């Protein structure tokens, strides 16, 4: 009986390993939040967004747009990660919701092109 149990365990191990690798790969895919979702989130909520930076508003503030709307981003120089972004470039924004009353903006921690 023990021989059968050991055999069954050895047969299952590759399947379990493949499932764990598949789950690991699924966790690498970020969930992209839309502007309309982000404006409803509480202060300091971490978010990942995909869209376009439409305009430099000055003082490290930028207008971001996705298919659902627009929101202001605050992007410090080091958060650009050396990327040069043009108006029509799609970017991924990593940051945190920054709310002042009912007005939301994103304090960006990283920009990926």
C-alpha atoms as a PDB file:
ATOM      1  CA  UNK A   1       0.000   0.000   0.000  1.00  0.00           C
ATOM      2  CA  UNK A   2       2.857   2.396   0.815  1.00  0.00           C
ATOM      3  CA  UNK A   3       4.365   1.810  -2.653  1.00  0.00           C
ATOM      4  CA  UNK A   4       1.136   2.974  -4.273  1.00  0.00           C
ATOM      5  CA  UNK A   5       1.009   6.122  -2.104  1.00  0.00           C
ATOM      6  CA  UNK A   6       4.599   7.058  -2.942  1.00  0.00           C
ATOM      7  CA  UNK A   7       3.931   6.450  -6.639  1.00  0.00           C
ATOM      8  CA  UNK A   8       0.771   8.574  -6.534  1.00  0.00           C
ATOM      9  CA  UNK A   9       2.649  11.379  -4.768  1.00  0.00           C
ATOM     10  CA  UNK A  10       5.444  11.317  -7.354  1.00  0.00           C
ATOM     11  CA  UNK A  11       2.903  11.367 -10.173  1.00  0.00           C
ATOM     12  CA  UNK A  12       1.061  14.395  -8.740  1.00  0.00           C
ATOM     13  CA  UNK A  13       4.122  16.549  -7.957  1.00  0.00           C
ATOM     14  CA  UNK A  14       4.680  17.837 -11.544  1.00  0.00           C
ATOM     15  CA  UNK A  15       0.999  18.815 -11.784  1.00  0.00           C
ATOM     16  CA  UNK A  16       1.165  20.738  -8.498  1.00  0.00           C
ATOM     17  CA  UNK A  17       4.356  22.480  -9.644  1.00  0.00           C
ATOM     18  CA  UNK A  18       2.751  23.495 -12.937  1.00  0.00           C
ATOM     19  CA  UNK A  19      -0.309  24.849 -11.115  1.00  0.00           C
ATOM     20  CA  UNK A  20       1.897  26.888  -8.771  1.00  0.00           C
ATOM     21  CA  UNK A  21       3.838  28.347 -11.730  1.00  0.00           C
ATOM     22  CA  UNK A  22       0.588  29.187 -13.515  1.00  0.00           C
ATOM     23  CA  UNK A  23      -0.733  30.943 -10.400  1.00  0.00           C
ATOM     24  CA  UNK A  24       2.561  32.842 -10.046  1.00  0.00           C
ATOM     25  CA  UNK A  25       2.289  34.091 -13.651  1.00  0.00           C
ATOM     26  CA  UNK A  26      -1.309  35.197 -13.096  1.00  0.00           C
ATOM     27  CA  UNK A  27      -0.239  37.262 -10.081  1.00  0.00           C
ATOM     28  CA  UNK A  28       2.235  39.227 -12.232  1.00  0.00           C
ATOM     29  CA  UNK A  29      -0.617  40.675 -14.320  1.00  0.00           C
ATOM     30  CA  UNK A  30      -1.612  44.005 -12.738  1.00  0.00           C
ATOM     31  CA  UNK A  31      -5.211  45.075 -12.470  1.00  0.00           C
ATOM     32  CA  UNK A  32      -5.636  48.360 -14.302  1.00  0.00           C
ATOM     33  CA  UNK A  33      -8.034  50.794 -12.659  1.00  0.00           C
ATOM     34  CA  UNK A  34     -10.009  53.301 -14.715  1.00  0.00           C
ATOM     35  CA  UNK A  35     -10.242  56.984 -13.864  1.00  0.00           C
ATOM     36  CA  UNK A  36     -13.914  56.590 -12.914  1.00  0.00           C
ATOM     37  CA  UNK A  37     -13.010  53.786 -10.489  1.00  0.00           C
ATOM     38  CA  UNK A  38     -10.051  55.651  -9.003  1.00  0.00           C
ATOM     39  CA  UNK A  39     -11.988  58.824  -8.141  1.00  0.00           C
ATOM     40  CA  UNK A  40     -14.243  56.727  -5.878  1.00  0.00           C
ATOM     41  CA  UNK A  41     -11.372  55.049  -4.003  1.00  0.00           C
ATOM     42  CA  UNK A  42     -10.216  56.102  -0.526  1.00  0.00           C
ATOM     43  CA  UNK A  43      -7.109  58.203   0.071  1.00  0.00           C
ATOM     44  CA  UNK A  44      -3.760  56.345  -0.145  1.00  0.00           C
ATOM     45  CA  UNK A  45      -5.170  53.404  -2.141  1.00  0.00           C
ATOM     46  CA  UNK A  46      -2.454  51.934  -4.413  1.00  0.00           C
ATOM     47  CA  UNK A  47      -3.487  51.917  -8.091  1.00  0.00           C
ATOM     48  CA  UNK A  48      -2.165  50.908 -11.506  1.00  0.00           C
ATOM     49  CA  UNK A  49      -3.600  52.765 -14.507  1.00  0.00           C
ATOM     50  CA  UNK A  50      -3.098  52.539 -18.270  1.00  0.00           C
ATOM     51  CA  UNK A  51      -3.681  55.477 -20.582  1.00  0.00           C
ATOM     52  CA  UNK A  52      -2.084  58.642 -21.938  1.00  0.00           C
ATOM     53  CA  UNK A  53      -0.554  61.698 -20.348  1.00  0.00           C
ATOM     54  CA  UNK A  54      -2.293  64.430 -22.316  1.00  0.00           C
ATOM     55  CA  UNK A  55      -0.818  67.643 -20.968  1.00  0.00           C
ATOM     56  CA  UNK A  56       1.903  69.053 -18.724  1.00  0.00           C
ATOM     57  CA  UNK A  57       0.100  71.389 -16.333  1.00  0.00           C
ATOM     58  CA  UNK A  58       3.331  72.685 -14.718  1.00  0.00           C
ATOM     59  CA  UNK A  59       4.730  72.163 -11.204  1.00  0.00           C
ATOM     60  CA  UNK A  60       5.062  68.371 -11.772  1.00  0.00           C
ATOM     61  CA  UNK A  61       1.314  68.094 -12.496  1.00  0.00           C
ATOM     62  CA  UNK A  62       0.024  66.270 -15.587  1.00  0.00           C
ATOM     63  CA  UNK A  63      -3.384  65.550 -17.084  1.00  0.00           C
ATOM     64  CA  UNK A  64      -3.922  61.799 -17.557  1.00  0.00           C
ATOM     65  CA  UNK A  65      -6.629  60.298 -19.771  1.00  0.00           C
ATOM     66  CA  UNK A  66      -8.071  56.842 -20.253  1.00  0.00           C
ATOM     67  CA  UNK A  67     -11.275  55.742 -21.984  1.00  0.00           C
ATOM     68  CA  UNK A  68     -13.348  56.672 -18.910  1.00  0.00           C
ATOM     69  CA  UNK A  69     -12.114  60.205 -18.213  1.00  0.00           C
ATOM     70  CA  UNK A  70      -9.274  62.373 -16.947  1.00  0.00           C
ATOM     71  CA  UNK A  71      -7.432  62.842 -13.656  1.00  0.00           C
ATOM     72  CA  UNK A  72      -4.457  64.862 -12.467  1.00  0.00           C
ATOM     73  CA  UNK A  73      -1.131  63.152 -11.766  1.00  0.00           C
ATOM     74  CA  UNK A  74       1.730  64.420  -9.641  1.00  0.00           C
ATOM     75  CA  UNK A  75       4.949  62.990 -11.059  1.00  0.00           C
ATOM     76  CA  UNK A  76       8.318  63.747  -9.455  1.00  0.00           C
ATOM     77  CA  UNK A  77      11.380  63.724 -11.725  1.00  0.00           C
ATOM     78  CA  UNK A  78      12.718  60.388 -10.421  1.00  0.00           C
ATOM     79  CA  UNK A  79       9.358  58.661 -11.015  1.00  0.00           C
ATOM     80  CA  UNK A  80       9.740  58.937 -14.812  1.00  0.00           C
ATOM     81  CA  UNK A  81      12.412  56.183 -14.677  1.00  0.00           C
ATOM     82  CA  UNK A  82      14.264  57.837 -17.558  1.00  0.00           C
ATOM     83  CA  UNK A  83      11.253  57.562 -19.901  1.00  0.00           C
ATOM     84  CA  UNK A  84      10.480  60.267 -22.442  1.00  0.00           C
ATOM     85  CA  UNK A  85       6.718  60.291 -22.974  1.00  0.00           C
ATOM     86  CA  UNK A  86       4.890  61.915 -25.884  1.00  0.00           C
ATOM     87  CA  UNK A  87       1.197  62.814 -25.956  1.00  0.00           C
ATOM     88  CA  UNK A  88       0.137  59.740 -27.962  1.00  0.00           C
ATOM     89  CA  UNK A  89       2.223  57.236 -25.968  1.00  0.00           C
ATOM     90  CA  UNK A  90       0.381  54.750 -23.792  1.00  0.00           C
ATOM     91  CA  UNK A  91       1.894  54.510 -20.323  1.00  0.00           C
ATOM     92  CA  UNK A  92       1.347  52.476 -17.187  1.00  0.00           C
ATOM     93  CA  UNK A  93       1.071  54.576 -14.048  1.00  0.00           C
ATOM     94  CA  UNK A  94       1.787  53.174 -10.585  1.00  0.00           C
ATOM     95  CA  UNK A  95       0.796  55.366  -7.678  1.00  0.00           C
ATOM     96  CA  UNK A  96      -1.531  56.139  -4.802  1.00  0.00           C
ATOM     97  CA  UNK A  97      -4.828  57.973  -4.664  1.00  0.00           C
ATOM     98  CA  UNK A  98      -4.406  61.406  -3.097  1.00  0.00           C
ATOM     99  CA  UNK A  99      -7.729  62.879  -2.012  1.00  0.00           C
ATOM    100  CA  UNK A 100      -8.439  66.353  -0.804  1.00  0.00           C
ATOM    101  CA  UNK A 101     -12.146  66.413   0.027  1.00  0.00           C
ATOM    102  CA  UNK A 102     -13.932  64.952  -3.013  1.00  0.00           C
ATOM    103  CA  UNK A 103     -11.110  65.831  -5.435  1.00  0.00           C
ATOM    104  CA  UNK A 104      -8.823  62.930  -6.312  1.00  0.00           C
ATOM    105  CA  UNK A 105      -5.461  62.931  -8.013  1.00  0.00           C
ATOM    106  CA  UNK A 106      -2.698  60.339  -8.256  1.00  0.00           C
ATOM    107  CA  UNK A 107       0.649  60.653  -6.490  1.00  0.00           C
ATOM    108  CA  UNK A 108       2.718  58.688  -9.007  1.00  0.00           C
ATOM    109  CA  UNK A 109       5.502  56.389  -7.821  1.00  0.00           C
ATOM    110  CA  UNK A 110       6.517  55.033 -11.239  1.00  0.00           C
ATOM    111  CA  UNK A 111       5.860  55.537 -14.961  1.00  0.00           C
ATOM    112  CA  UNK A 112       6.388  52.712 -17.483  1.00  0.00           C
ATOM    113  CA  UNK A 113       6.241  53.186 -21.220  1.00  0.00           C
END
